[in-house]
Amino acid sequence: MTDDPGPTPLVEEECLKVRKWWCFLLSSIFTFLAGIFIVLIWRAFAFLCCRNRESSEYQKQQDKDRLLAQQGQGQAPGQPKPKNLMEGNFVTEAKDWAGELISGQTTTGRILVVLVFILSIASLVIYFIDASNMSGVEHCQPWSANTTQQIDLAFNIFFMVYFFIRFIAASDKLWFMLEMYSFVDYFTIPPSFVSIYLDRTWIGLRFLRALRLMSVPDILQYLNVLKTSSSIRLAQLCSIFIAVWLTGAGIIHLLENSGDPLEFENAQPLSYWTCVYFLIVTMSTVGYGDVYCHTVFGRTFLVFFLLVGL
């Protein structure tokens, strides 16, 4: 790791005159759209190839049945179509292997599920550190001088591998691309690679890792900690509340520290934990008034958040 402490305040101020947050966000959107496009293209290709192959195979079978029927052998015409031959043995075996690996039904699968959860929490802790120590959400600090970003990149490489394992195991690829945890990966993994290219960091949507807390009840069931239905429901309720609370605080932190586009002149410097405090006070309808949203985007989000949450 380099000993470079990063740019001086004057240099960083000059650097931040040109914001690059849209590059990070665009990388996530492009990844999502590219994935959807690839899945749709594959579906169209598979549909056309399967239809042509099934039609050809069915016609051959019909001719064979007619010949056998004329000779008094075999079955009459009208036999069902042969099974889809598009998926070979390799694809089927890979799908079965990936399904067992993420199902949690095997020892290896349980270890992997628990490991993913632990690394997600570790990545979330790194976000807490960055969101607490850094003023603002975008910095011109080189990636090579940012230890937390380097560690987070290592975690994201693991999450990327896990994403592909889940993708292979998914029976419906399109539905998999629209799952909540898939969106968490879209908006957390690509920006970590973009930061290397741009030599700047953006806290961005890394708080979405908090949604992984919703899997706590499943982890506790794997470990045989939760055994009754009432304890499982209570754990689910608590995990959903905490996950939504921390995620909402992350959105407030991002919007308030960024300011309203396109000028970004009304940004309010708030630490992440101040946003956590502000959100729980607001959700409890106490509303001390010591902290409040300055930006239009922040106020708009808070209105919809409270309407849905309450």
C-alpha atoms as a PDB file:
ATOM      1  CA  MET A   1       0.000   0.000   0.000  1.00  0.00           C
ATOM      2  CA  THR A   2       1.284   3.440  -0.863  1.00  0.00           C
ATOM      3  CA  ASP A   3       2.103   6.089   1.726  1.00  0.00           C
ATOM      4  CA  ASP A   4       0.366   8.775  -0.342  1.00  0.00           C
ATOM      5  CA  PRO A   5      -2.076  10.498   2.057  1.00  0.00           C
ATOM      6  CA  GLY A   6      -4.240  11.681  -0.806  1.00  0.00           C
ATOM      7  CA  PRO A   7      -4.876  15.095  -2.326  1.00  0.00           C
ATOM      8  CA  THR A   8      -4.703  18.298  -0.307  1.00  0.00           C
ATOM      9  CA  PRO A   9      -8.007  20.092   0.453  1.00  0.00           C
ATOM     10  CA  LEU A  10      -7.292  22.670  -2.261  1.00  0.00           C
ATOM     11  CA  VAL A  11      -6.548  20.015  -4.872  1.00  0.00           C
ATOM     12  CA  GLU A  12      -9.624  17.998  -3.891  1.00  0.00           C
ATOM     13  CA  GLU A  13     -11.841  21.071  -4.056  1.00  0.00           C
ATOM     14  CA  GLU A  14     -10.582  21.735  -7.570  1.00  0.00           C
ATOM     15  CA  CYS A  15     -11.075  18.076  -8.494  1.00  0.00           C
ATOM     16  CA  LEU A  16     -14.652  17.970  -7.196  1.00  0.00           C
ATOM     17  CA  LYS A  17     -15.700  20.853  -9.400  1.00  0.00           C
ATOM     18  CA  VAL A  18     -16.402  18.113 -11.929  1.00  0.00           C
ATOM     19  CA  ARG A  19     -18.604  15.507 -10.256  1.00  0.00           C
ATOM     20  CA  LYS A  20     -18.355  11.920 -11.459  1.00  0.00           C
ATOM     21  CA  TRP A  21     -21.107  10.325  -9.364  1.00  0.00           C
ATOM     22  CA  TRP A  22     -23.053   9.628 -12.551  1.00  0.00           C
ATOM     23  CA  CYS A  23     -20.264   7.326 -13.776  1.00  0.00           C
ATOM     24  CA  PHE A  24     -20.693   5.078 -10.741  1.00  0.00           C
ATOM     25  CA  LEU A  25     -24.467   5.094 -11.029  1.00  0.00           C
ATOM     26  CA  LEU A  26     -24.373   4.529 -14.779  1.00  0.00           C
ATOM     27  CA  SER A  27     -22.117   1.491 -14.345  1.00  0.00           C
ATOM     28  CA  SER A  28     -24.781  -0.134 -12.163  1.00  0.00           C
ATOM     29  CA  ILE A  29     -27.628   0.721 -14.532  1.00  0.00           C
ATOM     30  CA  PHE A  30     -25.640  -0.493 -17.543  1.00  0.00           C
ATOM     31  CA  THR A  31     -24.822  -3.779 -15.775  1.00  0.00           C
ATOM     32  CA  PHE A  32     -28.499  -4.369 -15.027  1.00  0.00           C
ATOM     33  CA  LEU A  33     -29.682  -3.515 -18.555  1.00  0.00           C
ATOM     34  CA  ALA A  34     -26.896  -5.562 -20.148  1.00  0.00           C
ATOM     35  CA  GLY A  35     -27.866  -8.564 -18.035  1.00  0.00           C
ATOM     36  CA  ILE A  36     -31.532  -8.241 -18.993  1.00  0.00           C
ATOM     37  CA  PHE A  37     -30.582  -7.865 -22.666  1.00  0.00           C
ATOM     38  CA  ILE A  38     -28.383 -10.983 -22.610  1.00  0.00           C
ATOM     39  CA  VAL A  39     -31.099 -13.052 -20.925  1.00  0.00           C
ATOM     40  CA  LEU A  40     -33.738 -11.913 -23.436  1.00  0.00           C
ATOM     41  CA  ILE A  41     -31.430 -12.599 -26.395  1.00  0.00           C
ATOM     42  CA  TRP A  42     -30.671 -16.069 -25.038  1.00  0.00           C
ATOM     43  CA  ARG A  43     -34.374 -16.768 -24.548  1.00  0.00           C
ATOM     44  CA  ALA A  44     -35.164 -15.709 -28.106  1.00  0.00           C
ATOM     45  CA  PHE A  45     -32.287 -17.794 -29.471  1.00  0.00           C
ATOM     46  CA  ALA A  46     -33.301 -20.826 -27.407  1.00  0.00           C
ATOM     47  CA  PHE A  47     -36.942 -20.464 -28.461  1.00  0.00           C
ATOM     48  CA  LEU A  48     -36.121 -20.332 -32.169  1.00  0.00           C
ATOM     49  CA  CYS A  49     -33.603 -23.168 -32.033  1.00  0.00           C
ATOM     50  CA  CYS A  50     -35.824 -25.353 -29.870  1.00  0.00           C
ATOM     51  CA  ARG A  51     -38.824 -24.805 -32.099  1.00  0.00           C
ATOM     52  CA  ASN A  52     -36.888 -25.691 -35.246  1.00  0.00           C
ATOM     53  CA  ARG A  53     -35.242 -28.706 -33.643  1.00  0.00           C
ATOM     54  CA  GLU A  54     -38.448 -29.980 -32.071  1.00  0.00           C
ATOM     55  CA  SER A  55     -40.285 -29.541 -35.363  1.00  0.00           C
ATOM     56  CA  SER A  56     -37.600 -31.482 -37.213  1.00  0.00           C
ATOM     57  CA  GLU A  57     -37.428 -34.234 -34.590  1.00  0.00           C
ATOM     58  CA  TYR A  58     -41.203 -34.463 -34.409  1.00  0.00           C
ATOM     59  CA  GLN A  59     -41.504 -34.760 -38.201  1.00  0.00           C
ATOM     60  CA  LYS A  60     -38.912 -37.542 -38.269  1.00  0.00           C
ATOM     61  CA  GLN A  61     -40.749 -39.364 -35.492  1.00  0.00           C
ATOM     62  CA  GLN A  62     -44.052 -38.996 -37.328  1.00  0.00           C
ATOM     63  CA  ASP A  63     -42.562 -40.466 -40.513  1.00  0.00           C
ATOM     64  CA  LYS A  64     -41.093 -43.331 -38.521  1.00  0.00           C
ATOM     65  CA  ASP A  65     -44.421 -44.001 -36.803  1.00  0.00           C
ATOM     66  CA  ARG A  66     -46.266 -44.076 -40.113  1.00  0.00           C
ATOM     67  CA  LEU A  67     -43.761 -46.536 -41.528  1.00  0.00           C
ATOM     68  CA  LEU A  68     -44.032 -48.785 -38.479  1.00  0.00           C
ATOM     69  CA  ALA A  69     -47.828 -48.523 -38.501  1.00  0.00           C
ATOM     70  CA  GLN A  70     -47.929 -49.636 -42.121  1.00  0.00           C
ATOM     71  CA  GLN A  71     -45.804 -52.649 -41.185  1.00  0.00           C
ATOM     72  CA  GLY A  72     -48.015 -53.382 -38.182  1.00  0.00           C
ATOM     73  CA  GLN A  73     -45.369 -52.434 -35.640  1.00  0.00           C
ATOM     74  CA  GLY A  74     -44.843 -49.647 -33.156  1.00  0.00           C
ATOM     75  CA  GLN A  75     -47.264 -46.973 -32.056  1.00  0.00           C
ATOM     76  CA  ALA A  76     -49.726 -45.007 -34.089  1.00  0.00           C
ATOM     77  CA  PRO A  77     -48.897 -41.503 -35.246  1.00  0.00           C
ATOM     78  CA  GLY A  78     -49.456 -38.682 -32.784  1.00  0.00           C
ATOM     79  CA  GLN A  79     -46.710 -39.550 -30.323  1.00  0.00           C
ATOM     80  CA  PRO A  80     -45.799 -36.613 -28.009  1.00  0.00           C
ATOM     81  CA  LYS A  81     -42.973 -34.367 -28.989  1.00  0.00           C
ATOM     82  CA  PRO A  82     -39.510 -35.319 -27.796  1.00  0.00           C
ATOM     83  CA  LYS A  83     -38.052 -33.495 -24.853  1.00  0.00           C
ATOM     84  CA  ASN A  84     -36.133 -30.280 -25.299  1.00  0.00           C
ATOM     85  CA  LEU A  85     -32.569 -31.135 -26.175  1.00  0.00           C
ATOM     86  CA  MET A  86     -31.162 -27.661 -25.856  1.00  0.00           C
ATOM     87  CA  GLU A  87     -29.800 -28.198 -22.369  1.00  0.00           C
ATOM     88  CA  GLY A  88     -26.952 -30.651 -22.471  1.00  0.00           C
ATOM     89  CA  ASN A  89     -25.652 -32.795 -19.679  1.00  0.00           C
ATOM     90  CA  PHE A  90     -22.981 -30.249 -18.751  1.00  0.00           C
ATOM     91  CA  VAL A  91     -25.482 -27.408 -18.338  1.00  0.00           C
ATOM     92  CA  THR A  92     -27.826 -29.606 -16.315  1.00  0.00           C
ATOM     93  CA  GLU A  93     -25.058 -30.815 -14.039  1.00  0.00           C
ATOM     94  CA  ALA A  94     -23.774 -27.270 -13.517  1.00  0.00           C
ATOM     95  CA  LYS A  95     -27.284 -26.092 -12.664  1.00  0.00           C
ATOM     96  CA  ASP A  96     -27.797 -28.933 -10.186  1.00  0.00           C
ATOM     97  CA  TRP A  97     -24.400 -28.295  -8.592  1.00  0.00           C
ATOM     98  CA  ALA A  98     -25.065 -24.574  -8.220  1.00  0.00           C
ATOM     99  CA  GLY A  99     -28.539 -25.262  -6.838  1.00  0.00           C
ATOM    100  CA  GLU A 100     -27.170 -27.558  -4.154  1.00  0.00           C
ATOM    101  CA  LEU A 101     -24.418 -25.078  -3.348  1.00  0.00           C
ATOM    102  CA  ILE A 102     -26.752 -22.180  -2.546  1.00  0.00           C
ATOM    103  CA  SER A 103     -29.705 -24.139  -1.177  1.00  0.00           C
ATOM    104  CA  GLY A 104     -28.304 -24.596   2.310  1.00  0.00           C
ATOM    105  CA  GLN A 105     -29.341 -28.260   2.271  1.00  0.00           C
ATOM    106  CA  THR A 106     -25.741 -29.475   2.332  1.00  0.00           C
ATOM    107  CA  THR A 107     -22.914 -28.665   4.718  1.00  0.00           C
ATOM    108  CA  THR A 108     -20.995 -26.849   1.980  1.00  0.00           C
ATOM    109  CA  GLY A 109     -24.088 -24.877   1.048  1.00  0.00           C
ATOM    110  CA  ARG A 110     -24.705 -23.819   4.637  1.00  0.00           C
ATOM    111  CA  ILE A 111     -21.102 -22.705   5.037  1.00  0.00           C
ATOM    112  CA  LEU A 112     -21.355 -20.665   1.827  1.00  0.00           C
ATOM    113  CA  VAL A 113     -24.631 -19.014   2.879  1.00  0.00           C
ATOM    114  CA  VAL A 114     -23.211 -18.091   6.287  1.00  0.00           C
ATOM    115  CA  LEU A 115     -19.983 -16.830   4.675  1.00  0.00           C
ATOM    116  CA  VAL A 116     -21.934 -14.596   2.280  1.00  0.00           C
ATOM    117  CA  PHE A 117     -23.855 -13.144   5.206  1.00  0.00           C
ATOM    118  CA  ILE A 118     -20.687 -12.505   7.245  1.00  0.00           C
ATOM    119  CA  LEU A 119     -18.923 -10.793   4.334  1.00  0.00           C
ATOM    120  CA  SER A 120     -22.037  -8.717   3.628  1.00  0.00           C
ATOM    121  CA  ILE A 121     -21.993  -7.474   7.216  1.00  0.00           C
ATOM    122  CA  ALA A 122     -18.242  -6.812   6.941  1.00  0.00           C
ATOM    123  CA  SER A 123     -18.846  -4.794   3.757  1.00  0.00           C
ATOM    124  CA  LEU A 124     -21.601  -2.902   5.564  1.00  0.00           C
ATOM    125  CA  VAL A 125     -19.215  -2.129   8.436  1.00  0.00           C
ATOM    126  CA  ILE A 126     -16.731  -0.696   5.915  1.00  0.00           C
ATOM    127  CA  TYR A 127     -19.522   1.523   4.625  1.00  0.00           C
ATOM    128  CA  PHE A 128     -20.246   2.643   8.198  1.00  0.00           C
ATOM    129  CA  ILE A 129     -16.578   3.577   8.630  1.00  0.00           C
ATOM    130  CA  ASP A 130     -16.430   5.538   5.368  1.00  0.00           C
ATOM    131  CA  ALA A 131     -19.778   7.245   5.943  1.00  0.00           C
ATOM    132  CA  SER A 132     -18.759   8.248   9.469  1.00  0.00           C
ATOM    133  CA  ASN A 133     -15.205   9.453   8.813  1.00  0.00           C
ATOM    134  CA  MET A 134     -15.548  11.079   5.387  1.00  0.00           C
ATOM    135  CA  SER A 135     -17.212  14.429   4.850  1.00  0.00           C
ATOM    136  CA  GLY A 136     -19.292  14.310   1.709  1.00  0.00           C
ATOM    137  CA  VAL A 137     -19.955  11.301  -0.477  1.00  0.00           C
ATOM    138  CA  GLU A 138     -17.453  11.805  -3.315  1.00  0.00           C
ATOM    139  CA  HIS A 139     -13.693  12.189  -2.935  1.00  0.00           C
ATOM    140  CA  CYS A 140     -10.727  12.400  -5.268  1.00  0.00           C
ATOM    141  CA  GLN A 141      -8.692   9.987  -3.182  1.00  0.00           C
ATOM    142  CA  PRO A 142      -6.761   7.471  -5.304  1.00  0.00           C
ATOM    143  CA  TRP A 143      -7.942   3.902  -4.950  1.00  0.00           C
ATOM    144  CA  SER A 144      -4.396   2.764  -4.142  1.00  0.00           C
ATOM    145  CA  ALA A 145      -4.394   5.027  -1.069  1.00  0.00           C
ATOM    146  CA  ASN A 146      -7.790   3.914   0.234  1.00  0.00           C
ATOM    147  CA  THR A 147      -7.490   0.804   2.386  1.00  0.00           C
ATOM    148  CA  THR A 148     -11.204   0.368   3.025  1.00  0.00           C
ATOM    149  CA  GLN A 149     -11.965   0.483  -0.700  1.00  0.00           C
ATOM    150  CA  GLN A 150      -9.339  -2.175  -1.372  1.00  0.00           C
ATOM    151  CA  ILE A 151     -10.863  -4.483   1.232  1.00  0.00           C
ATOM    152  CA  ASP A 152     -14.341  -3.787  -0.091  1.00  0.00           C
ATOM    153  CA  LEU A 153     -13.197  -4.661  -3.621  1.00  0.00           C
ATOM    154  CA  ALA A 154     -11.998  -8.063  -2.392  1.00  0.00           C
ATOM    155  CA  PHE A 155     -15.423  -8.657  -0.841  1.00  0.00           C
ATOM    156  CA  ASN A 156     -17.160  -7.565  -4.040  1.00  0.00           C
ATOM    157  CA  ILE A 157     -15.123 -10.021  -6.112  1.00  0.00           C
ATOM    158  CA  PHE A 158     -16.449 -12.784  -3.869  1.00  0.00           C
ATOM    159  CA  PHE A 159     -20.007 -11.420  -4.190  1.00  0.00           C
ATOM    160  CA  MET A 160     -19.605 -11.363  -7.972  1.00  0.00           C
ATOM    161  CA  VAL A 161     -18.652 -15.056  -8.008  1.00  0.00           C
ATOM    162  CA  TYR A 162     -21.611 -15.825  -5.748  1.00  0.00           C
ATOM    163  CA  PHE A 163     -23.875 -13.847  -8.087  1.00  0.00           C
ATOM    164  CA  PHE A 164     -22.869 -16.035 -11.035  1.00  0.00           C
ATOM    165  CA  ILE A 165     -23.424 -19.200  -8.977  1.00  0.00           C
ATOM    166  CA  ARG A 166     -26.939 -17.994  -8.143  1.00  0.00           C
ATOM    167  CA  PHE A 167     -27.483 -17.094 -11.794  1.00  0.00           C
ATOM    168  CA  ILE A 168     -26.526 -20.601 -12.936  1.00  0.00           C
ATOM    169  CA  ALA A 169     -28.808 -22.174 -10.332  1.00  0.00           C
ATOM    170  CA  ALA A 170     -31.813 -19.978 -11.180  1.00  0.00           C
ATOM    171  CA  SER A 171     -34.558 -21.779 -13.083  1.00  0.00           C
ATOM    172  CA  ASP A 172     -35.945 -18.480 -14.396  1.00  0.00           C
ATOM    173  CA  LYS A 173     -33.002 -16.244 -15.321  1.00  0.00           C
ATOM    174  CA  LEU A 174     -35.154 -13.194 -16.033  1.00  0.00           C
ATOM    175  CA  TRP A 175     -36.896 -13.349 -12.674  1.00  0.00           C
ATOM    176  CA  PHE A 176     -33.516 -13.816 -10.996  1.00  0.00           C
ATOM    177  CA  MET A 177     -32.284 -10.574 -12.579  1.00  0.00           C
ATOM    178  CA  LEU A 178     -35.212  -8.761 -10.928  1.00  0.00           C
ATOM    179  CA  GLU A 179     -34.713 -10.146  -7.414  1.00  0.00           C
ATOM    180  CA  MET A 180     -33.924  -7.789  -4.538  1.00  0.00           C
ATOM    181  CA  TYR A 181     -30.507  -9.275  -3.769  1.00  0.00           C
ATOM    182  CA  SER A 182     -29.591  -9.061  -7.457  1.00  0.00           C
ATOM    183  CA  PHE A 183     -30.269  -5.309  -7.363  1.00  0.00           C
ATOM    184  CA  VAL A 184     -28.067  -5.082  -4.270  1.00  0.00           C
ATOM    185  CA  ASP A 185     -25.234  -6.573  -6.326  1.00  0.00           C
ATOM    186  CA  TYR A 186     -25.886  -4.300  -9.329  1.00  0.00           C
ATOM    187  CA  PHE A 187     -25.522  -1.158  -7.246  1.00  0.00           C
ATOM    188  CA  THR A 188     -22.595  -2.236  -5.068  1.00  0.00           C
ATOM    189  CA  ILE A 189     -20.229  -4.352  -7.193  1.00  0.00           C
ATOM    190  CA  PRO A 190     -19.687  -2.335 -10.444  1.00  0.00           C
ATOM    191  CA  PRO A 191     -18.938   1.004  -8.677  1.00  0.00           C
ATOM    192  CA  SER A 192     -16.038  -0.580  -6.787  1.00  0.00           C
ATOM    193  CA  PHE A 193     -14.338  -1.329 -10.121  1.00  0.00           C
ATOM    194  CA  VAL A 194     -15.167   2.108 -11.526  1.00  0.00           C
ATOM    195  CA  SER A 195     -13.391   3.739  -8.569  1.00  0.00           C
ATOM    196  CA  ILE A 196     -10.132   2.102  -9.701  1.00  0.00           C
ATOM    197  CA  TYR A 197     -10.445   3.578 -13.185  1.00  0.00           C
ATOM    198  CA  LEU A 198     -11.477   7.071 -12.046  1.00  0.00           C
ATOM    199  CA  ASP A 199      -9.123   7.243  -9.038  1.00  0.00           C
ATOM    200  CA  ARG A 200     -11.910   8.636  -6.900  1.00  0.00           C
ATOM    201  CA  THR A 201     -14.402   7.188  -4.447  1.00  0.00           C
ATOM    202  CA  TRP A 202     -18.151   7.512  -4.112  1.00  0.00           C
ATOM    203  CA  ILE A 203     -19.971   6.138  -1.092  1.00  0.00           C
ATOM    204  CA  GLY A 204     -23.007   5.652  -3.274  1.00  0.00           C
ATOM    205  CA  LEU A 205     -25.477   2.849  -2.604  1.00  0.00           C
ATOM    206  CA  ARG A 206     -23.257   0.566  -0.560  1.00  0.00           C
ATOM    207  CA  PHE A 207     -25.763   0.851   2.292  1.00  0.00           C
ATOM    208  CA  LEU A 208     -27.946  -1.586   0.325  1.00  0.00           C
ATOM    209  CA  ARG A 209     -25.874  -4.367   1.896  1.00  0.00           C
ATOM    210  CA  ALA A 210     -28.020  -3.742   4.984  1.00  0.00           C
ATOM    211  CA  LEU A 211     -30.835  -5.564   3.173  1.00  0.00           C
ATOM    212  CA  ARG A 212     -28.848  -8.762   3.718  1.00  0.00           C
ATOM    213  CA  LEU A 213     -29.921  -8.529   7.349  1.00  0.00           C
ATOM    214  CA  MET A 214     -33.262  -9.898   6.180  1.00  0.00           C
ATOM    215  CA  SER A 215     -31.574 -13.276   5.779  1.00  0.00           C
ATOM    216  CA  VAL A 216     -30.758 -13.484   9.516  1.00  0.00           C
ATOM    217  CA  PRO A 217     -33.789 -15.720  10.271  1.00  0.00           C
ATOM    218  CA  ASP A 218     -32.686 -18.153   7.539  1.00  0.00           C
ATOM    219  CA  ILE A 219     -29.150 -18.252   8.945  1.00  0.00           C
ATOM    220  CA  LEU A 220     -30.472 -18.898  12.448  1.00  0.00           C
ATOM    221  CA  GLN A 221     -32.652 -21.717  11.133  1.00  0.00           C
ATOM    222  CA  TYR A 222     -29.642 -23.313   9.418  1.00  0.00           C
ATOM    223  CA  LEU A 223     -27.824 -23.184  12.767  1.00  0.00           C
ATOM    224  CA  ASN A 224     -30.878 -24.645  14.565  1.00  0.00           C
ATOM    225  CA  VAL A 225     -31.164 -21.557  16.765  1.00  0.00           C
ATOM    226  CA  LEU A 226     -34.758 -20.825  15.725  1.00  0.00           C
ATOM    227  CA  LYS A 227     -37.064 -23.811  15.995  1.00  0.00           C
ATOM    228  CA  THR A 228     -40.557 -22.485  16.693  1.00  0.00           C
ATOM    229  CA  SER A 229     -42.767 -20.615  14.243  1.00  0.00           C
ATOM    230  CA  SER A 230     -43.287 -17.718  16.667  1.00  0.00           C
ATOM    231  CA  SER A 231     -39.540 -17.162  17.119  1.00  0.00           C
ATOM    232  CA  ILE A 232     -39.040 -17.288  13.343  1.00  0.00           C
ATOM    233  CA  ARG A 233     -41.765 -14.680  12.754  1.00  0.00           C
ATOM    234  CA  LEU A 234     -40.326 -12.430  15.471  1.00  0.00           C
ATOM    235  CA  ALA A 235     -36.833 -12.697  13.971  1.00  0.00           C
ATOM    236  CA  GLN A 236     -38.219 -11.905  10.508  1.00  0.00           C
ATOM    237  CA  LEU A 237     -40.048  -8.832  11.808  1.00  0.00           C
ATOM    238  CA  CYS A 238     -36.979  -7.511  13.647  1.00  0.00           C
ATOM    239  CA  SER A 239     -34.613  -8.165  10.739  1.00  0.00           C
ATOM    240  CA  ILE A 240     -36.917  -6.426   8.244  1.00  0.00           C
ATOM    241  CA  PHE A 241     -37.306  -3.390  10.516  1.00  0.00           C
ATOM    242  CA  ILE A 242     -33.552  -3.016  11.114  1.00  0.00           C
ATOM    243  CA  ALA A 243     -32.706  -3.583   7.433  1.00  0.00           C
ATOM    244  CA  VAL A 244     -35.229  -0.982   6.250  1.00  0.00           C
ATOM    245  CA  TRP A 245     -34.147   1.460   8.969  1.00  0.00           C
ATOM    246  CA  LEU A 246     -30.442   1.276   8.078  1.00  0.00           C
ATOM    247  CA  THR A 247     -31.173   1.383   4.340  1.00  0.00           C
ATOM    248  CA  GLY A 248     -33.423   4.427   4.713  1.00  0.00           C
ATOM    249  CA  ALA A 249     -30.745   6.177   6.768  1.00  0.00           C
ATOM    250  CA  GLY A 250     -28.246   5.458   3.993  1.00  0.00           C
ATOM    251  CA  ILE A 251     -30.522   7.057   1.397  1.00  0.00           C
ATOM    252  CA  ILE A 252     -30.963  10.163   3.569  1.00  0.00           C
ATOM    253  CA  HIS A 253     -27.196  10.338   4.080  1.00  0.00           C
ATOM    254  CA  LEU A 254     -26.549  10.123   0.334  1.00  0.00           C
ATOM    255  CA  LEU A 255     -29.184  12.685  -0.664  1.00  0.00           C
ATOM    256  CA  GLU A 256     -28.379  15.239   2.028  1.00  0.00           C
ATOM    257  CA  ASN A 257     -24.606  15.082   1.588  1.00  0.00           C
ATOM    258  CA  SER A 258     -24.921  15.255  -2.203  1.00  0.00           C
ATOM    259  CA  GLY A 259     -27.344  18.161  -2.478  1.00  0.00           C
ATOM    260  CA  ASP A 260     -29.950  18.635  -5.155  1.00  0.00           C
ATOM    261  CA  PRO A 261     -28.813  18.169  -8.757  1.00  0.00           C
ATOM    262  CA  LEU A 262     -27.560  19.845 -10.781  1.00  0.00           C
ATOM    263  CA  GLU A 263     -25.853  22.544  -8.729  1.00  0.00           C
ATOM    264  CA  PHE A 264     -25.277  20.575  -5.480  1.00  0.00           C
ATOM    265  CA  GLU A 265     -25.204  23.858  -3.568  1.00  0.00           C
ATOM    266  CA  ASN A 266     -27.572  22.960  -0.719  1.00  0.00           C
ATOM    267  CA  ALA A 267     -25.711  19.888   0.535  1.00  0.00           C
ATOM    268  CA  GLN A 268     -25.940  19.273   4.269  1.00  0.00           C
ATOM    269  CA  PRO A 269     -22.941  17.540   5.906  1.00  0.00           C
ATOM    270  CA  LEU A 270     -24.425  14.740   7.999  1.00  0.00           C
ATOM    271  CA  SER A 271     -22.727  11.627   9.308  1.00  0.00           C
ATOM    272  CA  TYR A 272     -24.413   8.298   8.729  1.00  0.00           C
ATOM    273  CA  TRP A 273     -25.187   7.819  12.414  1.00  0.00           C
ATOM    274  CA  THR A 274     -26.834  11.236  12.555  1.00  0.00           C
ATOM    275  CA  CYS A 275     -29.109  10.035   9.749  1.00  0.00           C
ATOM    276  CA  VAL A 276     -29.836   6.832  11.686  1.00  0.00           C
ATOM    277  CA  TYR A 277     -30.807   8.925  14.721  1.00  0.00           C
ATOM    278  CA  PHE A 278     -32.871  11.324  12.599  1.00  0.00           C
ATOM    279  CA  LEU A 279     -34.786   8.522  10.898  1.00  0.00           C
ATOM    280  CA  ILE A 280     -35.699   6.646  14.081  1.00  0.00           C
ATOM    281  CA  VAL A 281     -36.829   9.897  15.737  1.00  0.00           C
ATOM    282  CA  THR A 282     -38.965  10.694  12.691  1.00  0.00           C
ATOM    283  CA  MET A 283     -40.354   7.148  12.407  1.00  0.00           C
ATOM    284  CA  SER A 284     -41.356   7.216  16.072  1.00  0.00           C
ATOM    285  CA  THR A 285     -43.266  10.496  15.373  1.00  0.00           C
ATOM    286  CA  VAL A 286     -41.283  12.275  18.116  1.00  0.00           C
ATOM    287  CA  GLY A 287     -39.584  14.727  15.756  1.00  0.00           C
ATOM    288  CA  TYR A 288     -37.279  16.820  17.948  1.00  0.00           C
ATOM    289  CA  GLY A 289     -36.469  19.111  15.025  1.00  0.00           C
ATOM    290  CA  ASP A 290     -32.731  19.286  15.732  1.00  0.00           C
ATOM    291  CA  VAL A 291     -32.017  17.475  12.436  1.00  0.00           C
ATOM    292  CA  TYR A 292     -34.089  17.824   9.291  1.00  0.00           C
ATOM    293  CA  CYS A 293     -33.743  17.455   5.519  1.00  0.00           C
ATOM    294  CA  HIS A 294     -32.504  20.468   3.561  1.00  0.00           C
ATOM    295  CA  THR A 295     -32.680  19.025   0.053  1.00  0.00           C
ATOM    296  CA  VAL A 296     -35.806  18.594  -2.035  1.00  0.00           C
ATOM    297  CA  PHE A 297     -34.827  15.025  -2.851  1.00  0.00           C
ATOM    298  CA  GLY A 298     -34.311  14.225   0.827  1.00  0.00           C
ATOM    299  CA  ARG A 299     -37.692  15.643   1.827  1.00  0.00           C
ATOM    300  CA  THR A 300     -39.445  13.866  -1.033  1.00  0.00           C
ATOM    301  CA  PHE A 301     -37.908  10.528  -0.110  1.00  0.00           C
ATOM    302  CA  LEU A 302     -38.799  11.011   3.557  1.00  0.00           C
ATOM    303  CA  VAL A 303     -42.455  11.702   2.726  1.00  0.00           C
ATOM    304  CA  PHE A 304     -42.807   8.523   0.670  1.00  0.00           C
ATOM    305  CA  PHE A 305     -40.775   6.510   3.182  1.00  0.00           C
ATOM    306  CA  LEU A 306     -43.065   7.518   6.040  1.00  0.00           C
ATOM    307  CA  LEU A 307     -46.232   6.998   3.997  1.00  0.00           C
ATOM    308  CA  VAL A 308     -45.183   3.453   3.099  1.00  0.00           C
ATOM    309  CA  GLY A 309     -43.613   2.656   6.477  1.00  0.00           C
ATOM    310  CA  LEU A 310     -46.421   3.936   8.661  1.00  0.00           C
END
